[in-house]
Amino acid sequence: MAKSKPIAAKSSSGGGLAPWLGIATIIILLDQISKITINKTFRYGEDLLVTSFFNITLAYNKGAAFSFLQHAGGWQRYLFTGIGIAAAVYIVYLLKRHAGQRMFCWALALIMGGAIGNVIDRVLYGHVVDFLDFHWPTIGHFPAFNIADTAICIGAGLFILDELRRVNK
């Protein structure tokens, strides 16, 4: 009688990588489709008033969040592209190790999808395409952002929530 081979053990947390890569891919697709649509529909700087507190506008960001290093001379494009690629590679590693930790992996998948969405912009255009413009009369305009930025922020929020939940256990 032949011995049966033991079933290969999954990572200690169980689960697989595919669902999380699928979520990141959906974010990338939504982000890129929205940016292509805005680029084809608007001229740079053009605004469409949607509500009293929200515009759609075509803006370019050569820097990072809140236009950090926007006017640094061009080297920042390569720095932020490298950081985005390195972050995506590290996130794939973390997803493999912790594929069964749902909230943690949701956070990582959203962050990775957003990071890759913005890396694609930097490679294709030399800047990130932003178009969501919120503003309040007493405060003014919040810096324009996009779906990738939104995914990164939601992912960061989930990451913090997951850590707080883990600490409280």
N, C-alpha and C. Protein backbone atom coordinates (compact mmCIF):
# COMPACT_ATOMS: atom_id res chain seq x y z
N MET A 1 0.84 -1.17 0.00
CA MET A 1 0.00 0.00 0.00
C MET A 1 0.90 1.24 0.00
N ALA A 2 0.64 2.14 -0.93
CA ALA A 2 1.46 3.35 -1.06
C ALA A 2 1.09 4.36 0.00
N LYS A 3 2.13 5.01 0.49
CA LYS A 3 1.87 6.06 1.48
C LYS A 3 1.33 7.30 0.77
N SER A 4 0.35 7.91 1.39
CA SER A 4 -0.16 9.16 0.80
C SER A 4 0.73 10.31 1.25
N LYS A 5 0.90 11.25 0.35
CA LYS A 5 1.73 12.41 0.67
C LYS A 5 0.94 13.35 1.57
N PRO A 6 1.60 13.95 2.54
CA PRO A 6 0.89 14.91 3.38
C PRO A 6 0.50 16.14 2.56
N ILE A 7 -0.63 16.69 2.90
CA ILE A 7 -1.09 17.90 2.23
C ILE A 7 -0.21 19.04 2.69
N ALA A 8 0.24 19.82 1.72
CA ALA A 8 1.10 20.96 2.05
C ALA A 8 0.33 21.94 2.93
N ALA A 9 0.98 22.35 3.98
CA ALA A 9 0.33 23.28 4.90
C ALA A 9 0.30 24.68 4.29
N LYS A 10 -0.81 25.35 4.51
CA LYS A 10 -0.91 26.75 4.10
C LYS A 10 -0.17 27.59 5.11
N SER A 11 -0.08 28.89 4.82
CA SER A 11 0.57 29.76 5.80
C SER A 11 -0.14 29.64 7.12
N SER A 12 0.53 30.02 8.16
CA SER A 12 -0.02 29.84 9.50
C SER A 12 -1.37 30.50 9.68
N SER A 13 -1.67 31.49 8.85
CA SER A 13 -2.94 32.20 9.03
C SER A 13 -3.99 31.72 8.04
N GLY A 14 -3.65 30.78 7.11
CA GLY A 14 -4.61 30.26 6.16
C GLY A 14 -4.93 31.27 5.08
N GLY A 15 -5.83 30.85 4.16
CA GLY A 15 -6.24 31.76 3.10
C GLY A 15 -5.29 31.73 1.94
N GLY A 16 -5.58 32.52 0.92
CA GLY A 16 -4.75 32.57 -0.26
C GLY A 16 -4.48 34.00 -0.69
N LEU A 17 -3.59 34.13 -1.63
CA LEU A 17 -3.16 35.43 -2.12
C LEU A 17 -4.11 36.00 -3.18
N ALA A 18 -4.73 35.13 -3.97
CA ALA A 18 -5.53 35.55 -5.13
C ALA A 18 -6.64 36.57 -4.80
N PRO A 19 -7.43 36.37 -3.75
CA PRO A 19 -8.50 37.34 -3.50
C PRO A 19 -7.96 38.75 -3.23
N TRP A 20 -6.84 38.82 -2.55
CA TRP A 20 -6.28 40.13 -2.19
C TRP A 20 -5.67 40.81 -3.42
N LEU A 21 -5.05 40.03 -4.28
CA LEU A 21 -4.54 40.58 -5.54
C LEU A 21 -5.71 41.01 -6.43
N GLY A 22 -6.82 40.28 -6.35
CA GLY A 22 -8.02 40.65 -7.10
C GLY A 22 -8.58 42.00 -6.65
N ILE A 23 -8.60 42.22 -5.35
CA ILE A 23 -9.08 43.50 -4.81
C ILE A 23 -8.16 44.63 -5.28
N ALA A 24 -6.86 44.42 -5.19
CA ALA A 24 -5.91 45.44 -5.64
C ALA A 24 -6.10 45.73 -7.13
N THR A 25 -6.34 44.69 -7.92
CA THR A 25 -6.55 44.85 -9.35
C THR A 25 -7.81 45.66 -9.64
N ILE A 26 -8.87 45.41 -8.89
CA ILE A 26 -10.11 46.18 -9.07
C ILE A 26 -9.86 47.66 -8.78
N ILE A 27 -9.13 47.95 -7.72
CA ILE A 27 -8.80 49.34 -7.38
C ILE A 27 -8.00 49.98 -8.52
N ILE A 28 -7.00 49.26 -9.02
CA ILE A 28 -6.19 49.79 -10.12
C ILE A 28 -7.06 50.09 -11.34
N LEU A 29 -7.94 49.16 -11.69
CA LEU A 29 -8.81 49.36 -12.85
C LEU A 29 -9.75 50.55 -12.66
N LEU A 30 -10.41 50.63 -11.51
CA LEU A 30 -11.31 51.76 -11.25
C LEU A 30 -10.55 53.08 -11.30
N ASP A 31 -9.37 53.09 -10.71
CA ASP A 31 -8.55 54.29 -10.68
C ASP A 31 -8.15 54.71 -12.09
N GLN A 32 -7.63 53.78 -12.87
CA GLN A 32 -7.15 54.12 -14.20
C GLN A 32 -8.29 54.49 -15.16
N ILE A 33 -9.41 53.79 -15.08
CA ILE A 33 -10.56 54.13 -15.92
C ILE A 33 -11.06 55.53 -15.59
N SER A 34 -11.13 55.86 -14.30
CA SER A 34 -11.59 57.20 -13.92
C SER A 34 -10.62 58.28 -14.40
N LYS A 35 -9.33 58.02 -14.31
CA LYS A 35 -8.33 59.00 -14.74
C LYS A 35 -8.33 59.18 -16.26
N ILE A 36 -8.48 58.09 -16.99
CA ILE A 36 -8.57 58.18 -18.45
C ILE A 36 -9.80 59.00 -18.85
N THR A 37 -10.92 58.74 -18.18
CA THR A 37 -12.15 59.47 -18.47
C THR A 37 -11.99 60.95 -18.19
N ILE A 38 -11.41 61.30 -17.06
CA ILE A 38 -11.20 62.70 -16.71
C ILE A 38 -10.23 63.36 -17.69
N ASN A 39 -9.16 62.68 -18.02
CA ASN A 39 -8.18 63.22 -18.97
C ASN A 39 -8.79 63.48 -20.35
N LYS A 40 -9.74 62.65 -20.77
CA LYS A 40 -10.37 62.81 -22.08
C LYS A 40 -11.51 63.83 -22.04
N THR A 41 -12.09 64.07 -20.86
CA THR A 41 -13.26 64.93 -20.74
C THR A 41 -12.91 66.37 -20.36
N PHE A 42 -11.85 66.56 -19.61
CA PHE A 42 -11.50 67.89 -19.07
C PHE A 42 -10.18 68.38 -19.63
N ARG A 43 -10.04 69.68 -19.66
CA ARG A 43 -8.74 70.31 -19.91
C ARG A 43 -8.10 70.55 -18.55
N TYR A 44 -6.78 70.63 -18.53
CA TYR A 44 -6.06 70.88 -17.28
C TYR A 44 -6.62 72.14 -16.61
N GLY A 45 -6.97 72.02 -15.33
CA GLY A 45 -7.48 73.14 -14.55
C GLY A 45 -8.96 73.40 -14.69
N GLU A 46 -9.62 72.71 -15.60
CA GLU A 46 -11.06 72.91 -15.80
C GLU A 46 -11.84 72.32 -14.62
N ASP A 47 -12.86 73.04 -14.17
CA ASP A 47 -13.71 72.62 -13.05
C ASP A 47 -15.13 72.35 -13.52
N LEU A 48 -15.76 71.39 -12.87
CA LEU A 48 -17.20 71.16 -13.03
C LEU A 48 -17.79 71.20 -11.63
N LEU A 49 -18.61 72.20 -11.35
CA LEU A 49 -19.26 72.32 -10.04
C LEU A 49 -20.33 71.24 -9.94
N VAL A 50 -20.20 70.36 -8.96
CA VAL A 50 -21.16 69.28 -8.77
C VAL A 50 -22.12 69.62 -7.63
N THR A 51 -21.57 70.08 -6.51
CA THR A 51 -22.38 70.53 -5.37
C THR A 51 -21.72 71.80 -4.82
N SER A 52 -22.29 72.32 -3.77
CA SER A 52 -21.71 73.52 -3.16
C SER A 52 -20.37 73.23 -2.47
N PHE A 53 -20.03 71.95 -2.30
CA PHE A 53 -18.78 71.60 -1.62
C PHE A 53 -17.90 70.63 -2.42
N PHE A 54 -18.28 70.32 -3.66
CA PHE A 54 -17.54 69.34 -4.44
C PHE A 54 -17.48 69.72 -5.91
N ASN A 55 -16.25 69.70 -6.47
CA ASN A 55 -16.02 69.90 -7.89
C ASN A 55 -15.30 68.69 -8.46
N ILE A 56 -15.45 68.50 -9.75
CA ILE A 56 -14.55 67.61 -10.48
C ILE A 56 -13.63 68.54 -11.25
N THR A 57 -12.34 68.33 -11.11
CA THR A 57 -11.35 69.18 -11.77
C THR A 57 -10.18 68.33 -12.22
N LEU A 58 -9.54 68.74 -13.30
CA LEU A 58 -8.35 68.01 -13.73
C LEU A 58 -7.12 68.72 -13.19
N ALA A 59 -6.40 68.01 -12.32
CA ALA A 59 -5.19 68.57 -11.71
C ALA A 59 -4.08 67.54 -11.82
N TYR A 60 -2.85 68.02 -11.88
CA TYR A 60 -1.69 67.15 -11.94
C TYR A 60 -0.84 67.36 -10.70
N ASN A 61 -0.32 66.27 -10.16
CA ASN A 61 0.52 66.33 -8.97
C ASN A 61 1.83 65.61 -9.26
N LYS A 62 2.91 66.35 -9.33
CA LYS A 62 4.23 65.74 -9.55
C LYS A 62 4.87 65.33 -8.24
N GLY A 63 4.25 65.69 -7.13
CA GLY A 63 4.79 65.37 -5.81
C GLY A 63 4.08 64.18 -5.20
N ALA A 64 4.01 64.20 -3.88
CA ALA A 64 3.33 63.14 -3.14
C ALA A 64 2.06 63.74 -2.53
N ALA A 65 1.58 63.16 -1.45
CA ALA A 65 0.37 63.62 -0.80
C ALA A 65 0.44 65.11 -0.50
N PHE A 66 -0.67 65.79 -0.74
CA PHE A 66 -0.78 67.23 -0.50
C PHE A 66 0.26 68.02 -1.30
N SER A 67 0.63 67.47 -2.46
CA SER A 67 1.60 68.11 -3.37
C SER A 67 2.99 68.27 -2.76
N PHE A 68 3.32 67.46 -1.77
CA PHE A 68 4.64 67.48 -1.16
C PHE A 68 5.69 67.26 -2.24
N LEU A 69 6.68 68.11 -2.33
CA LEU A 69 7.76 68.09 -3.31
C LEU A 69 7.27 68.28 -4.75
N GLN A 70 6.14 68.92 -4.93
CA GLN A 70 5.56 69.18 -6.25
C GLN A 70 6.54 69.88 -7.18
N HIS A 71 7.29 70.83 -6.66
CA HIS A 71 8.19 71.65 -7.49
C HIS A 71 9.66 71.32 -7.24
N ALA A 72 9.96 70.05 -7.03
CA ALA A 72 11.33 69.67 -6.67
C ALA A 72 12.26 69.47 -7.87
N GLY A 73 11.79 69.62 -9.07
CA GLY A 73 12.68 69.55 -10.22
C GLY A 73 12.63 68.27 -11.03
N GLY A 74 11.84 67.29 -10.65
CA GLY A 74 11.67 66.08 -11.44
C GLY A 74 12.19 64.80 -10.82
N TRP A 75 13.19 64.89 -9.97
CA TRP A 75 13.75 63.68 -9.36
C TRP A 75 12.72 62.95 -8.50
N GLN A 76 11.73 63.70 -7.97
CA GLN A 76 10.73 63.11 -7.08
C GLN A 76 9.88 62.06 -7.81
N ARG A 77 9.72 62.21 -9.12
CA ARG A 77 8.96 61.23 -9.90
C ARG A 77 9.57 59.85 -9.72
N TYR A 78 10.89 59.77 -9.84
CA TYR A 78 11.58 58.48 -9.72
C TYR A 78 11.58 57.97 -8.29
N LEU A 79 11.75 58.88 -7.34
CA LEU A 79 11.72 58.49 -5.93
C LEU A 79 10.37 57.87 -5.57
N PHE A 80 9.27 58.58 -5.91
CA PHE A 80 7.94 58.09 -5.53
C PHE A 80 7.54 56.86 -6.34
N THR A 81 8.02 56.74 -7.57
CA THR A 81 7.78 55.51 -8.35
C THR A 81 8.48 54.34 -7.68
N GLY A 82 9.73 54.53 -7.27
CA GLY A 82 10.48 53.47 -6.58
C GLY A 82 9.84 53.08 -5.27
N ILE A 83 9.41 54.07 -4.51
CA ILE A 83 8.75 53.79 -3.23
C ILE A 83 7.47 52.99 -3.47
N GLY A 84 6.69 53.38 -4.48
CA GLY A 84 5.44 52.67 -4.78
C GLY A 84 5.69 51.23 -5.19
N ILE A 85 6.70 51.00 -6.01
CA ILE A 85 7.02 49.63 -6.45
C ILE A 85 7.53 48.80 -5.27
N ALA A 86 8.42 49.38 -4.46
CA ALA A 86 8.94 48.67 -3.28
C ALA A 86 7.80 48.34 -2.31
N ALA A 87 6.89 49.28 -2.11
CA ALA A 87 5.75 49.04 -1.21
C ALA A 87 4.89 47.90 -1.74
N ALA A 88 4.64 47.87 -3.04
CA ALA A 88 3.81 46.81 -3.62
C ALA A 88 4.47 45.44 -3.44
N VAL A 89 5.77 45.37 -3.66
CA VAL A 89 6.49 44.09 -3.48
C VAL A 89 6.42 43.64 -2.03
N TYR A 90 6.64 44.56 -1.10
CA TYR A 90 6.59 44.22 0.32
C TYR A 90 5.17 43.81 0.74
N ILE A 91 4.17 44.49 0.18
CA ILE A 91 2.78 44.15 0.50
C ILE A 91 2.44 42.74 0.01
N VAL A 92 2.91 42.35 -1.17
CA VAL A 92 2.68 40.98 -1.65
C VAL A 92 3.29 39.98 -0.68
N TYR A 93 4.48 40.26 -0.20
CA TYR A 93 5.12 39.40 0.81
C TYR A 93 4.25 39.30 2.06
N LEU A 94 3.76 40.45 2.55
CA LEU A 94 2.91 40.44 3.75
C LEU A 94 1.59 39.71 3.49
N LEU A 95 1.03 39.87 2.31
CA LEU A 95 -0.22 39.18 1.98
C LEU A 95 -0.02 37.67 1.97
N LYS A 96 1.11 37.21 1.46
CA LYS A 96 1.40 35.77 1.47
C LYS A 96 1.51 35.24 2.89
N ARG A 97 2.16 36.00 3.74
CA ARG A 97 2.37 35.56 5.13
C ARG A 97 1.11 35.62 5.98
N HIS A 98 0.22 36.56 5.68
CA HIS A 98 -0.94 36.80 6.56
C HIS A 98 -2.26 36.74 5.80
N ALA A 99 -2.33 35.88 4.79
CA ALA A 99 -3.49 35.85 3.89
C ALA A 99 -4.81 35.58 4.61
N GLY A 100 -4.79 34.99 5.77
CA GLY A 100 -6.03 34.68 6.49
C GLY A 100 -6.51 35.80 7.41
N GLN A 101 -5.75 36.84 7.58
CA GLN A 101 -6.14 37.96 8.45
C GLN A 101 -6.90 38.97 7.60
N ARG A 102 -8.20 38.86 7.62
CA ARG A 102 -9.05 39.57 6.66
C ARG A 102 -8.89 41.09 6.68
N MET A 103 -9.06 41.71 7.81
CA MET A 103 -9.00 43.17 7.83
C MET A 103 -7.61 43.68 7.46
N PHE A 104 -6.60 43.02 7.97
CA PHE A 104 -5.21 43.38 7.66
C PHE A 104 -4.97 43.29 6.15
N CYS A 105 -5.44 42.20 5.54
CA CYS A 105 -5.24 42.01 4.11
C CYS A 105 -6.10 42.95 3.26
N TRP A 106 -7.30 43.27 3.73
CA TRP A 106 -8.10 44.30 3.04
C TRP A 106 -7.31 45.60 3.01
N ALA A 107 -6.76 45.96 4.15
CA ALA A 107 -5.98 47.20 4.25
C ALA A 107 -4.81 47.17 3.27
N LEU A 108 -4.06 46.08 3.28
CA LEU A 108 -2.91 45.96 2.40
C LEU A 108 -3.31 45.98 0.92
N ALA A 109 -4.38 45.28 0.58
CA ALA A 109 -4.83 45.23 -0.82
C ALA A 109 -5.25 46.61 -1.32
N LEU A 110 -5.96 47.36 -0.48
CA LEU A 110 -6.37 48.72 -0.87
C LEU A 110 -5.15 49.63 -1.03
N ILE A 111 -4.22 49.54 -0.09
CA ILE A 111 -3.01 50.36 -0.17
C ILE A 111 -2.20 49.99 -1.42
N MET A 112 -2.06 48.70 -1.68
CA MET A 112 -1.28 48.27 -2.85
C MET A 112 -1.96 48.72 -4.14
N GLY A 113 -3.27 48.55 -4.26
CA GLY A 113 -3.98 48.98 -5.46
C GLY A 113 -3.82 50.47 -5.70
N GLY A 114 -3.93 51.26 -4.63
CA GLY A 114 -3.75 52.70 -4.76
C GLY A 114 -2.34 53.08 -5.13
N ALA A 115 -1.37 52.43 -4.50
CA ALA A 115 0.03 52.73 -4.79
C ALA A 115 0.36 52.42 -6.25
N ILE A 116 -0.09 51.27 -6.73
CA ILE A 116 0.19 50.89 -8.11
C ILE A 116 -0.54 51.82 -9.08
N GLY A 117 -1.77 52.21 -8.75
CA GLY A 117 -2.50 53.16 -9.59
C GLY A 117 -1.74 54.46 -9.78
N ASN A 118 -1.16 54.97 -8.71
CA ASN A 118 -0.39 56.21 -8.81
C ASN A 118 0.97 55.99 -9.47
N VAL A 119 1.57 54.82 -9.29
CA VAL A 119 2.83 54.50 -9.99
C VAL A 119 2.58 54.48 -11.50
N ILE A 120 1.49 53.91 -11.93
CA ILE A 120 1.16 53.88 -13.36
C ILE A 120 1.11 55.30 -13.91
N ASP A 121 0.47 56.22 -13.19
CA ASP A 121 0.42 57.62 -13.62
C ASP A 121 1.81 58.21 -13.75
N ARG A 122 2.64 57.99 -12.76
CA ARG A 122 3.99 58.57 -12.78
C ARG A 122 4.80 58.04 -13.98
N VAL A 123 4.64 56.76 -14.28
CA VAL A 123 5.37 56.17 -15.40
C VAL A 123 4.81 56.68 -16.73
N LEU A 124 3.47 56.71 -16.87
CA LEU A 124 2.86 57.11 -18.15
C LEU A 124 2.90 58.61 -18.41
N TYR A 125 2.63 59.41 -17.37
CA TYR A 125 2.44 60.85 -17.57
C TYR A 125 3.51 61.72 -16.92
N GLY A 126 4.26 61.18 -15.97
CA GLY A 126 5.22 61.98 -15.24
C GLY A 126 4.62 62.70 -14.06
N HIS A 127 3.33 62.48 -13.81
CA HIS A 127 2.62 63.09 -12.69
C HIS A 127 1.40 62.23 -12.37
N VAL A 128 0.80 62.46 -11.21
CA VAL A 128 -0.42 61.77 -10.83
C VAL A 128 -1.61 62.63 -11.23
N VAL A 129 -2.62 62.01 -11.81
CA VAL A 129 -3.84 62.70 -12.22
C VAL A 129 -4.79 62.73 -11.03
N ASP A 130 -5.17 63.92 -10.60
CA ASP A 130 -6.14 64.11 -9.52
C ASP A 130 -7.37 64.80 -10.08
N PHE A 131 -8.54 64.54 -9.46
CA PHE A 131 -9.76 65.15 -9.99
C PHE A 131 -10.88 65.36 -8.98
N LEU A 132 -10.79 64.80 -7.82
CA LEU A 132 -11.81 64.98 -6.79
C LEU A 132 -11.43 66.18 -5.94
N ASP A 133 -12.28 67.21 -5.94
CA ASP A 133 -11.96 68.49 -5.30
C ASP A 133 -13.08 68.87 -4.33
N PHE A 134 -12.81 68.69 -3.04
CA PHE A 134 -13.77 69.08 -2.00
C PHE A 134 -13.36 70.42 -1.42
N HIS A 135 -14.34 71.23 -1.05
CA HIS A 135 -14.05 72.56 -0.52
C HIS A 135 -15.18 73.00 0.41
N TRP A 136 -14.81 73.86 1.37
CA TRP A 136 -15.76 74.42 2.31
C TRP A 136 -15.52 75.93 2.35
N PRO A 137 -16.59 76.70 2.47
CA PRO A 137 -16.45 78.17 2.42
C PRO A 137 -15.48 78.73 3.47
N THR A 138 -15.49 78.21 4.66
CA THR A 138 -14.65 78.77 5.72
C THR A 138 -13.22 78.22 5.70
N ILE A 139 -13.02 77.07 5.07
CA ILE A 139 -11.72 76.42 5.08
C ILE A 139 -11.00 76.56 3.74
N GLY A 140 -11.72 76.49 2.66
CA GLY A 140 -11.13 76.53 1.33
C GLY A 140 -11.08 75.14 0.73
N HIS A 141 -10.23 74.97 -0.27
CA HIS A 141 -10.14 73.71 -1.01
C HIS A 141 -9.18 72.74 -0.33
N PHE A 142 -9.63 71.52 -0.21
CA PHE A 142 -8.76 70.42 0.18
C PHE A 142 -7.96 70.06 -1.07
N PRO A 143 -6.72 69.61 -0.98
CA PRO A 143 -5.99 69.24 -2.20
C PRO A 143 -6.77 68.18 -3.01
N ALA A 144 -6.79 68.34 -4.31
CA ALA A 144 -7.48 67.38 -5.18
C ALA A 144 -6.83 66.00 -5.02
N PHE A 145 -7.63 64.97 -5.19
CA PHE A 145 -7.14 63.61 -5.05
C PHE A 145 -7.86 62.71 -6.03
N ASN A 146 -7.62 61.40 -5.96
CA ASN A 146 -8.18 60.45 -6.91
C ASN A 146 -8.61 59.17 -6.20
N ILE A 147 -9.05 58.18 -6.97
CA ILE A 147 -9.51 56.92 -6.39
C ILE A 147 -8.36 56.16 -5.73
N ALA A 148 -7.17 56.22 -6.32
CA ALA A 148 -6.01 55.55 -5.71
C ALA A 148 -5.72 56.13 -4.33
N ASP A 149 -5.75 57.46 -4.23
CA ASP A 149 -5.52 58.11 -2.94
C ASP A 149 -6.58 57.71 -1.92
N THR A 150 -7.82 57.62 -2.40
CA THR A 150 -8.93 57.23 -1.52
C THR A 150 -8.71 55.81 -1.00
N ALA A 151 -8.30 54.90 -1.89
CA ALA A 151 -8.04 53.52 -1.48
C ALA A 151 -6.91 53.45 -0.46
N ILE A 152 -5.86 54.24 -0.68
CA ILE A 152 -4.74 54.25 0.26
C ILE A 152 -5.21 54.74 1.63
N CYS A 153 -6.01 55.80 1.66
CA CYS A 153 -6.50 56.33 2.94
C CYS A 153 -7.43 55.35 3.65
N ILE A 154 -8.33 54.72 2.91
CA ILE A 154 -9.22 53.73 3.51
C ILE A 154 -8.40 52.55 4.03
N GLY A 155 -7.42 52.11 3.24
CA GLY A 155 -6.54 51.02 3.67
C GLY A 155 -5.78 51.38 4.93
N ALA A 156 -5.27 52.61 5.00
CA ALA A 156 -4.56 53.06 6.21
C ALA A 156 -5.50 53.06 7.41
N GLY A 157 -6.73 53.52 7.20
CA GLY A 157 -7.71 53.51 8.28
C GLY A 157 -8.02 52.09 8.76
N LEU A 158 -8.18 51.16 7.83
CA LEU A 158 -8.42 49.76 8.20
C LEU A 158 -7.22 49.17 8.93
N PHE A 159 -6.03 49.54 8.48
CA PHE A 159 -4.81 49.07 9.13
C PHE A 159 -4.77 49.53 10.58
N ILE A 160 -5.08 50.79 10.83
CA ILE A 160 -5.09 51.33 12.19
C ILE A 160 -6.17 50.63 13.01
N LEU A 161 -7.36 50.47 12.43
CA LEU A 161 -8.45 49.80 13.13
C LEU A 161 -8.07 48.36 13.47
N ASP A 162 -7.44 47.67 12.54
CA ASP A 162 -7.01 46.30 12.79
C ASP A 162 -5.99 46.23 13.92
N GLU A 163 -5.05 47.16 13.93
CA GLU A 163 -4.04 47.20 14.99
C GLU A 163 -4.68 47.50 16.35
N LEU A 164 -5.61 48.45 16.38
CA LEU A 164 -6.30 48.77 17.65
C LEU A 164 -7.09 47.57 18.15
N ARG A 165 -7.74 46.88 17.23
CA ARG A 165 -8.51 45.69 17.58
C ARG A 165 -7.59 44.59 18.12
N ARG A 166 -6.44 44.44 17.50
CA ARG A 166 -5.48 43.42 17.92
C ARG A 166 -4.91 43.74 19.30
N VAL A 167 -4.62 45.02 19.55
CA VAL A 167 -4.07 45.46 20.84
C VAL A 167 -5.10 45.23 21.95
N ASN A 168 -6.37 45.45 21.65
CA ASN A 168 -7.42 45.30 22.67
C ASN A 168 -7.75 43.85 23.01
N LYS A 169 -7.27 42.89 22.21
CA LYS A 169 -7.56 41.48 22.48
C LYS A 169 -6.74 40.94 23.61
